[in-house]
């Protein structure tokens, strides 16, 4: 390819953008982080296991701009911790153009009557309260971008609204409601709010509810990574205020 042809090639869809991904150490978070890096984004990798984050960091450094590591446990983090995180992103990178929430906590299928109250509270906090606290801290920085995206990975409400899904299932319904609420409040702002509802994926979370050997419906998380990039890119405007179920 000639240099003139190379210079006229379209820039990657996330070129110049800074994207924060929670749950980046594995599953959809790791796959989406890689896809974002390949699409030109500087990715802030947030997760609670530094060793796994380091492996994702090494992989992303070969794909695109150098990522940023941010170890943080959503279970114990407080609003001040998220405010500090947003301030550090601004200080080190100068901007934030997107947040992709992939972090999730699910201990396994348990009847509600037998669920430990602390386990129920932890599931609701990690899957609903913490994502909102983080989003609330990031919204002022996101609002400074010309086009910003706040994306929540949301599980299928029909499936997780059935028996035994406990606090995780309740929190997923709350996340879906949160997408609608935030869209109604931010509809005229530069921040686009949307949800990503992937199909069944081969992840440790799903393995706690399904036997992997017989789970033929599940796909690798990478099958939905491109959809995450779409929602974080300008093309995501087509899904503003919606929860999108992409076809892998």
C-alpha atoms as a PDB file:
ATOM      1  CA  UNK A   1       0.000   0.000   0.000  1.00  0.00           C
ATOM      2  CA  UNK A   2       1.338   3.437  -0.876  1.00  0.00           C
ATOM      3  CA  UNK A   3       1.880   6.050   1.807  1.00  0.00           C
ATOM      4  CA  UNK A   4      -0.870   8.221   0.276  1.00  0.00           C
ATOM      5  CA  UNK A   5      -3.318   5.318   0.401  1.00  0.00           C
ATOM      6  CA  UNK A   6      -2.370   4.581   3.989  1.00  0.00           C
ATOM      7  CA  UNK A   7      -2.859   8.211   4.991  1.00  0.00           C
ATOM      8  CA  UNK A   8      -6.337   8.247   3.449  1.00  0.00           C
ATOM      9  CA  UNK A   9      -7.487   5.092   5.249  1.00  0.00           C
ATOM     10  CA  UNK A  10     -10.241   5.776   7.787  1.00  0.00           C
ATOM     11  CA  UNK A  11      -9.123   6.139  11.400  1.00  0.00           C
ATOM     12  CA  UNK A  12     -10.160   3.381  13.808  1.00  0.00           C
ATOM     13  CA  UNK A  13     -13.639   4.096  15.203  1.00  0.00           C
ATOM     14  CA  UNK A  14     -12.353   4.747  18.740  1.00  0.00           C
ATOM     15  CA  UNK A  15      -9.165   6.570  17.785  1.00  0.00           C
ATOM     16  CA  UNK A  16      -8.273   9.266  20.318  1.00  0.00           C
ATOM     17  CA  UNK A  17     -10.892   8.116  22.792  1.00  0.00           C
ATOM     18  CA  UNK A  18     -10.405   7.025  26.398  1.00  0.00           C
ATOM     19  CA  UNK A  19     -12.630   4.171  27.525  1.00  0.00           C
ATOM     20  CA  UNK A  20     -12.986   2.747  31.044  1.00  0.00           C
ATOM     21  CA  UNK A  21     -13.937  -0.938  31.222  1.00  0.00           C
ATOM     22  CA  UNK A  22     -14.982  -2.531  34.511  1.00  0.00           C
ATOM     23  CA  UNK A  23     -14.564  -6.252  34.990  1.00  0.00           C
ATOM     24  CA  UNK A  24     -11.697  -6.024  32.525  1.00  0.00           C
ATOM     25  CA  UNK A  25      -9.776  -9.009  33.895  1.00  0.00           C
ATOM     26  CA  UNK A  26     -11.853 -11.650  32.122  1.00  0.00           C
ATOM     27  CA  UNK A  27     -14.991 -12.618  30.252  1.00  0.00           C
ATOM     28  CA  UNK A  28     -16.730  -9.928  28.246  1.00  0.00           C
ATOM     29  CA  UNK A  29     -14.662  -7.218  29.929  1.00  0.00           C
ATOM     30  CA  UNK A  30     -11.354  -8.609  28.687  1.00  0.00           C
ATOM     31  CA  UNK A  31     -12.709  -9.341  25.208  1.00  0.00           C
ATOM     32  CA  UNK A  32     -14.270  -5.896  24.867  1.00  0.00           C
ATOM     33  CA  UNK A  33     -11.101  -4.235  26.163  1.00  0.00           C
ATOM     34  CA  UNK A  34      -9.072  -5.949  23.441  1.00  0.00           C
ATOM     35  CA  UNK A  35     -11.576  -4.917  20.783  1.00  0.00           C
ATOM     36  CA  UNK A  36     -11.515  -1.316  22.026  1.00  0.00           C
ATOM     37  CA  UNK A  37      -7.717  -1.248  21.889  1.00  0.00           C
ATOM     38  CA  UNK A  38      -7.764  -2.625  18.350  1.00  0.00           C
ATOM     39  CA  UNK A  39     -10.239   0.131  17.493  1.00  0.00           C
ATOM     40  CA  UNK A  40      -7.814   2.806  18.668  1.00  0.00           C
ATOM     41  CA  UNK A  41      -8.981   3.533  22.219  1.00  0.00           C
ATOM     42  CA  UNK A  42      -6.825   4.059  25.260  1.00  0.00           C
ATOM     43  CA  UNK A  43      -8.421   1.599  27.670  1.00  0.00           C
ATOM     44  CA  UNK A  44      -8.533   2.018  31.445  1.00  0.00           C
ATOM     45  CA  UNK A  45      -8.641  -1.522  32.803  1.00  0.00           C
ATOM     46  CA  UNK A  46     -10.552  -1.761  36.072  1.00  0.00           C
ATOM     47  CA  UNK A  47     -10.784  -4.983  38.043  1.00  0.00           C
ATOM     48  CA  UNK A  48     -10.133  -6.476  41.450  1.00  0.00           C
ATOM     49  CA  UNK A  49      -7.416  -8.999  40.525  1.00  0.00           C
ATOM     50  CA  UNK A  50      -4.131  -7.265  39.610  1.00  0.00           C
ATOM     51  CA  UNK A  51      -2.462 -10.417  38.274  1.00  0.00           C
ATOM     52  CA  UNK A  52      -5.239 -11.003  35.745  1.00  0.00           C
ATOM     53  CA  UNK A  53      -5.364  -7.303  34.882  1.00  0.00           C
ATOM     54  CA  UNK A  54      -1.650  -7.392  34.153  1.00  0.00           C
ATOM     55  CA  UNK A  55      -2.154 -10.179  31.631  1.00  0.00           C
ATOM     56  CA  UNK A  56      -4.878  -8.194  29.880  1.00  0.00           C
ATOM     57  CA  UNK A  57      -2.618  -5.137  29.971  1.00  0.00           C
ATOM     58  CA  UNK A  58       0.201  -7.027  28.246  1.00  0.00           C
ATOM     59  CA  UNK A  59      -2.156  -8.254  25.528  1.00  0.00           C
ATOM     60  CA  UNK A  60      -3.651  -4.810  24.896  1.00  0.00           C
ATOM     61  CA  UNK A  61      -0.257  -3.106  24.744  1.00  0.00           C
ATOM     62  CA  UNK A  62       0.402  -5.139  21.585  1.00  0.00           C
ATOM     63  CA  UNK A  63      -2.917  -4.172  19.977  1.00  0.00           C
ATOM     64  CA  UNK A  64      -3.186  -0.411  20.352  1.00  0.00           C
ATOM     65  CA  UNK A  65      -2.413   2.554  22.620  1.00  0.00           C
ATOM     66  CA  UNK A  66      -0.862   1.728  25.971  1.00  0.00           C
ATOM     67  CA  UNK A  67      -3.664   0.993  28.449  1.00  0.00           C
ATOM     68  CA  UNK A  68      -3.947   2.164  32.042  1.00  0.00           C
ATOM     69  CA  UNK A  69      -4.368  -0.216  34.986  1.00  0.00           C
ATOM     70  CA  UNK A  70      -6.753   0.613  37.807  1.00  0.00           C
ATOM     71  CA  UNK A  71      -7.166  -2.189  40.381  1.00  0.00           C
ATOM     72  CA  UNK A  72     -10.325  -1.648  42.424  1.00  0.00           C
ATOM     73  CA  UNK A  73     -12.709  -3.968  44.236  1.00  0.00           C
ATOM     74  CA  UNK A  74     -16.287  -2.791  43.624  1.00  0.00           C
ATOM     75  CA  UNK A  75     -17.518  -4.590  46.728  1.00  0.00           C
ATOM     76  CA  UNK A  76     -15.515  -2.442  49.123  1.00  0.00           C
ATOM     77  CA  UNK A  77     -15.114   0.778  47.137  1.00  0.00           C
ATOM     78  CA  UNK A  78     -16.928   3.874  48.402  1.00  0.00           C
ATOM     79  CA  UNK A  79     -18.130   6.954  46.484  1.00  0.00           C
ATOM     80  CA  UNK A  80     -14.930   8.803  47.424  1.00  0.00           C
ATOM     81  CA  UNK A  81     -12.892   6.019  45.783  1.00  0.00           C
ATOM     82  CA  UNK A  82     -14.752   6.504  42.511  1.00  0.00           C
ATOM     83  CA  UNK A  83     -14.306  10.266  42.722  1.00  0.00           C
ATOM     84  CA  UNK A  84     -10.561   9.716  43.166  1.00  0.00           C
ATOM     85  CA  UNK A  85     -10.550   7.342  40.194  1.00  0.00           C
ATOM     86  CA  UNK A  86     -12.230   9.909  37.944  1.00  0.00           C
ATOM     87  CA  UNK A  87      -9.782  12.579  39.104  1.00  0.00           C
ATOM     88  CA  UNK A  88      -6.808  10.324  38.328  1.00  0.00           C
ATOM     89  CA  UNK A  89      -8.128   9.524  34.858  1.00  0.00           C
ATOM     90  CA  UNK A  90      -8.508  13.229  34.181  1.00  0.00           C
ATOM     91  CA  UNK A  91      -5.030  13.986  35.535  1.00  0.00           C
ATOM     92  CA  UNK A  92      -3.275  11.199  33.623  1.00  0.00           C
ATOM     93  CA  UNK A  93      -5.266  11.069  30.379  1.00  0.00           C
ATOM     94  CA  UNK A  94      -7.085  14.396  30.260  1.00  0.00           C
ATOM     95  CA  UNK A  95     -10.430  13.007  29.161  1.00  0.00           C
ATOM     96  CA  UNK A  96     -12.962  10.197  29.328  1.00  0.00           C
ATOM     97  CA  UNK A  97     -15.157   9.284  26.373  1.00  0.00           C
ATOM     98  CA  UNK A  98     -16.791   6.063  27.445  1.00  0.00           C
ATOM     99  CA  UNK A  99     -17.538   3.688  30.311  1.00  0.00           C
ATOM    100  CA  UNK A 100     -18.383   0.051  29.709  1.00  0.00           C
ATOM    101  CA  UNK A 101     -19.726  -1.808  32.742  1.00  0.00           C
ATOM    102  CA  UNK A 102     -18.880  -5.523  32.516  1.00  0.00           C
ATOM    103  CA  UNK A 103     -18.153  -6.319  36.174  1.00  0.00           C
ATOM    104  CA  UNK A 104     -20.601  -8.761  37.746  1.00  0.00           C
ATOM    105  CA  UNK A 105     -20.923 -10.906  40.840  1.00  0.00           C
ATOM    106  CA  UNK A 106     -22.940 -14.134  41.013  1.00  0.00           C
ATOM    107  CA  UNK A 107     -22.415 -16.775  43.691  1.00  0.00           C
ATOM    108  CA  UNK A 108     -24.694 -19.414  42.192  1.00  0.00           C
ATOM    109  CA  UNK A 109     -28.318 -20.453  42.101  1.00  0.00           C
ATOM    110  CA  UNK A 110     -29.892 -20.371  45.569  1.00  0.00           C
ATOM    111  CA  UNK A 111     -33.517 -20.242  46.785  1.00  0.00           C
ATOM    112  CA  UNK A 112     -34.280 -16.815  48.211  1.00  0.00           C
ATOM    113  CA  UNK A 113     -35.424 -18.306  51.510  1.00  0.00           C
ATOM    114  CA  UNK A 114     -31.996 -19.895  51.922  1.00  0.00           C
ATOM    115  CA  UNK A 115     -29.939 -16.930  50.720  1.00  0.00           C
ATOM    116  CA  UNK A 116     -27.604 -15.381  53.249  1.00  0.00           C
ATOM    117  CA  UNK A 117     -28.709 -11.742  53.728  1.00  0.00           C
ATOM    118  CA  UNK A 118     -25.148 -10.494  53.348  1.00  0.00           C
ATOM    119  CA  UNK A 119     -24.742 -12.411  50.076  1.00  0.00           C
ATOM    120  CA  UNK A 120     -27.960 -10.891  48.719  1.00  0.00           C
ATOM    121  CA  UNK A 121     -26.835  -7.403  49.704  1.00  0.00           C
ATOM    122  CA  UNK A 122     -23.386  -7.977  48.151  1.00  0.00           C
ATOM    123  CA  UNK A 123     -24.930  -9.096  44.849  1.00  0.00           C
ATOM    124  CA  UNK A 124     -27.191  -6.056  44.663  1.00  0.00           C
ATOM    125  CA  UNK A 125     -24.327  -3.744  45.577  1.00  0.00           C
ATOM    126  CA  UNK A 126     -21.725  -5.086  43.137  1.00  0.00           C
ATOM    127  CA  UNK A 127     -24.170  -5.485  40.255  1.00  0.00           C
ATOM    128  CA  UNK A 128     -26.231  -2.320  40.681  1.00  0.00           C
ATOM    129  CA  UNK A 129     -25.181   0.153  43.368  1.00  0.00           C
ATOM    130  CA  UNK A 130     -21.446   0.146  42.581  1.00  0.00           C
ATOM    131  CA  UNK A 131     -21.930   0.623  38.813  1.00  0.00           C
ATOM    132  CA  UNK A 132     -24.116   3.618  39.549  1.00  0.00           C
ATOM    133  CA  UNK A 133     -21.651   5.103  42.040  1.00  0.00           C
ATOM    134  CA  UNK A 134     -18.882   4.732  39.474  1.00  0.00           C
ATOM    135  CA  UNK A 135     -21.034   6.232  36.715  1.00  0.00           C
ATOM    136  CA  UNK A 136     -22.052   9.151  38.901  1.00  0.00           C
ATOM    137  CA  UNK A 137     -18.402   9.946  39.581  1.00  0.00           C
ATOM    138  CA  UNK A 138     -17.523   9.758  35.873  1.00  0.00           C
ATOM    139  CA  UNK A 139     -20.452  11.702  34.428  1.00  0.00           C
ATOM    140  CA  UNK A 140     -18.941  15.190  34.890  1.00  0.00           C
ATOM    141  CA  UNK A 141     -15.849  14.088  32.972  1.00  0.00           C
ATOM    142  CA  UNK A 142     -17.880  12.266  30.330  1.00  0.00           C
ATOM    143  CA  UNK A 143     -20.035  15.354  29.821  1.00  0.00           C
ATOM    144  CA  UNK A 144     -16.978  17.327  28.683  1.00  0.00           C
ATOM    145  CA  UNK A 145     -16.565  15.077  25.645  1.00  0.00           C
ATOM    146  CA  UNK A 146     -18.319  15.963  22.403  1.00  0.00           C
ATOM    147  CA  UNK A 147     -19.696  12.438  22.174  1.00  0.00           C
ATOM    148  CA  UNK A 148     -19.556  10.128  25.182  1.00  0.00           C
ATOM    149  CA  UNK A 149     -21.078   6.734  25.941  1.00  0.00           C
ATOM    150  CA  UNK A 150     -22.171   5.076  29.170  1.00  0.00           C
ATOM    151  CA  UNK A 151     -22.852   1.391  28.486  1.00  0.00           C
ATOM    152  CA  UNK A 152     -24.149  -1.253  30.888  1.00  0.00           C
ATOM    153  CA  UNK A 153     -23.891  -4.974  30.145  1.00  0.00           C
ATOM    154  CA  UNK A 154     -27.294  -6.326  31.187  1.00  0.00           C
ATOM    155  CA  UNK A 155     -28.325  -9.962  31.533  1.00  0.00           C
ATOM    156  CA  UNK A 156     -31.531 -11.361  30.009  1.00  0.00           C
ATOM    157  CA  UNK A 157     -34.341 -10.331  32.421  1.00  0.00           C
ATOM    158  CA  UNK A 158     -36.568 -13.248  31.475  1.00  0.00           C
ATOM    159  CA  UNK A 159     -33.862 -15.735  32.399  1.00  0.00           C
ATOM    160  CA  UNK A 160     -32.538 -14.130  35.567  1.00  0.00           C
ATOM    161  CA  UNK A 161     -36.021 -13.213  36.753  1.00  0.00           C
ATOM    162  CA  UNK A 162     -36.798 -16.869  37.276  1.00  0.00           C
ATOM    163  CA  UNK A 163     -36.344 -18.902  40.453  1.00  0.00           C
ATOM    164  CA  UNK A 164     -33.038 -18.986  42.349  1.00  0.00           C
ATOM    165  CA  UNK A 165     -31.248 -16.034  40.711  1.00  0.00           C
ATOM    166  CA  UNK A 166     -31.489 -14.029  43.923  1.00  0.00           C
ATOM    167  CA  UNK A 167     -29.771 -10.688  44.352  1.00  0.00           C
ATOM    168  CA  UNK A 168     -28.036 -10.972  40.978  1.00  0.00           C
ATOM    169  CA  UNK A 169     -31.353 -11.325  39.157  1.00  0.00           C
ATOM    170  CA  UNK A 170     -32.908  -8.449  41.092  1.00  0.00           C
ATOM    171  CA  UNK A 171     -29.912  -6.233  40.337  1.00  0.00           C
ATOM    172  CA  UNK A 172     -30.080  -6.995  36.609  1.00  0.00           C
ATOM    173  CA  UNK A 173     -33.661  -5.777  36.504  1.00  0.00           C
ATOM    174  CA  UNK A 174     -32.486  -2.676  38.337  1.00  0.00           C
ATOM    175  CA  UNK A 175     -29.745  -2.087  35.764  1.00  0.00           C
ATOM    176  CA  UNK A 176     -32.273  -2.234  32.933  1.00  0.00           C
ATOM    177  CA  UNK A 177     -34.380   0.364  34.736  1.00  0.00           C
ATOM    178  CA  UNK A 178     -31.288   2.497  35.346  1.00  0.00           C
ATOM    179  CA  UNK A 179     -30.580   2.655  31.603  1.00  0.00           C
ATOM    180  CA  UNK A 180     -34.048   4.077  30.980  1.00  0.00           C
ATOM    181  CA  UNK A 181     -33.866   6.540  33.862  1.00  0.00           C
ATOM    182  CA  UNK A 182     -30.464   7.877  32.890  1.00  0.00           C
ATOM    183  CA  UNK A 183     -31.466   8.191  29.247  1.00  0.00           C
ATOM    184  CA  UNK A 184     -34.510  10.231  30.264  1.00  0.00           C
ATOM    185  CA  UNK A 185     -32.326  12.525  32.351  1.00  0.00           C
ATOM    186  CA  UNK A 186     -29.354  12.755  29.950  1.00  0.00           C
ATOM    187  CA  UNK A 187     -31.173  12.589  26.630  1.00  0.00           C
ATOM    188  CA  UNK A 188     -30.176  16.135  25.677  1.00  0.00           C
ATOM    189  CA  UNK A 189     -26.588  15.848  26.925  1.00  0.00           C
ATOM    190  CA  UNK A 190     -23.456  14.675  25.076  1.00  0.00           C
ATOM    191  CA  UNK A 191     -23.577  11.432  27.104  1.00  0.00           C
ATOM    192  CA  UNK A 192     -25.352   8.521  25.401  1.00  0.00           C
ATOM    193  CA  UNK A 193     -26.717   5.847  27.734  1.00  0.00           C
ATOM    194  CA  UNK A 194     -27.390   2.343  26.473  1.00  0.00           C
ATOM    195  CA  UNK A 195     -27.374  -1.293  27.465  1.00  0.00           C
ATOM    196  CA  UNK A 196     -25.692  -4.311  25.908  1.00  0.00           C
ATOM    197  CA  UNK A 197     -27.506  -7.601  26.337  1.00  0.00           C
ATOM    198  CA  UNK A 198     -25.204 -10.317  24.993  1.00  0.00           C
ATOM    199  CA  UNK A 199     -26.388 -13.827  24.461  1.00  0.00           C
ATOM    200  CA  UNK A 200     -25.183 -16.714  26.633  1.00  0.00           C
ATOM    201  CA  UNK A 201     -21.394 -16.602  27.038  1.00  0.00           C
ATOM    202  CA  UNK A 202     -18.815 -19.114  28.256  1.00  0.00           C
ATOM    203  CA  UNK A 203     -17.727 -17.319  31.401  1.00  0.00           C
ATOM    204  CA  UNK A 204     -17.080 -18.321  35.022  1.00  0.00           C
ATOM    205  CA  UNK A 205     -20.284 -16.522  35.997  1.00  0.00           C
ATOM    206  CA  UNK A 206     -22.439 -18.624  33.678  1.00  0.00           C
ATOM    207  CA  UNK A 207     -20.627 -21.797  34.755  1.00  0.00           C
ATOM    208  CA  UNK A 208     -22.061 -21.290  38.236  1.00  0.00           C
ATOM    209  CA  UNK A 209     -25.546 -21.850  36.835  1.00  0.00           C
ATOM    210  CA  UNK A 210     -25.013 -24.170  33.857  1.00  0.00           C
ATOM    211  CA  UNK A 211     -22.971 -27.297  33.242  1.00  0.00           C
ATOM    212  CA  UNK A 212     -20.475 -26.225  30.598  1.00  0.00           C
ATOM    213  CA  UNK A 213     -20.365 -29.571  28.791  1.00  0.00           C
ATOM    214  CA  UNK A 214     -24.086 -29.410  27.998  1.00  0.00           C
ATOM    215  CA  UNK A 215     -24.334 -25.643  27.532  1.00  0.00           C
ATOM    216  CA  UNK A 216     -24.405 -25.587  23.748  1.00  0.00           C
ATOM    217  CA  UNK A 217     -26.094 -22.172  23.568  1.00  0.00           C
ATOM    218  CA  UNK A 218     -23.109 -20.314  24.993  1.00  0.00           C
ATOM    219  CA  UNK A 219     -20.617 -18.414  22.821  1.00  0.00           C
ATOM    220  CA  UNK A 220     -17.171 -17.062  23.575  1.00  0.00           C
ATOM    221  CA  UNK A 221     -17.297 -13.496  24.964  1.00  0.00           C
ATOM    222  CA  UNK A 222     -15.314 -12.256  21.956  1.00  0.00           C
ATOM    223  CA  UNK A 223     -18.438 -12.846  19.851  1.00  0.00           C
ATOM    224  CA  UNK A 224     -19.986  -9.753  21.457  1.00  0.00           C
ATOM    225  CA  UNK A 225     -16.916  -7.550  21.708  1.00  0.00           C
ATOM    226  CA  UNK A 226     -17.613  -5.782  18.410  1.00  0.00           C
ATOM    227  CA  UNK A 227     -21.058  -4.799  19.685  1.00  0.00           C
ATOM    228  CA  UNK A 228     -19.441  -3.163  22.708  1.00  0.00           C
ATOM    229  CA  UNK A 229     -17.194  -1.144  20.393  1.00  0.00           C
ATOM    230  CA  UNK A 230     -20.226  -0.066  18.362  1.00  0.00           C
ATOM    231  CA  UNK A 231     -22.016   1.260  21.438  1.00  0.00           C
ATOM    232  CA  UNK A 232     -18.911   3.153  22.542  1.00  0.00           C
ATOM    233  CA  UNK A 233     -18.358   4.643  19.076  1.00  0.00           C
ATOM    234  CA  UNK A 234     -20.398   7.344  17.286  1.00  0.00           C
ATOM    235  CA  UNK A 235     -22.411   4.553  15.678  1.00  0.00           C
ATOM    236  CA  UNK A 236     -23.810   3.817  19.116  1.00  0.00           C
ATOM    237  CA  UNK A 237     -26.122   6.830  18.713  1.00  0.00           C
ATOM    238  CA  UNK A 238     -28.504   4.484  16.898  1.00  0.00           C
ATOM    239  CA  UNK A 239     -28.986   2.580  20.179  1.00  0.00           C
ATOM    240  CA  UNK A 240     -29.249   5.569  22.498  1.00  0.00           C
ATOM    241  CA  UNK A 241     -31.584   4.839  25.398  1.00  0.00           C
ATOM    242  CA  UNK A 242     -32.014   1.219  24.351  1.00  0.00           C
ATOM    243  CA  UNK A 243     -30.802  -2.162  25.521  1.00  0.00           C
ATOM    244  CA  UNK A 244     -29.379  -3.816  22.443  1.00  0.00           C
ATOM    245  CA  UNK A 245     -29.304  -7.563  21.902  1.00  0.00           C
ATOM    246  CA  UNK A 246     -26.822  -8.025  19.062  1.00  0.00           C
ATOM    247  CA  UNK A 247     -26.558 -11.061  16.828  1.00  0.00           C
ATOM    248  CA  UNK A 248     -23.068 -12.558  17.190  1.00  0.00           C
END
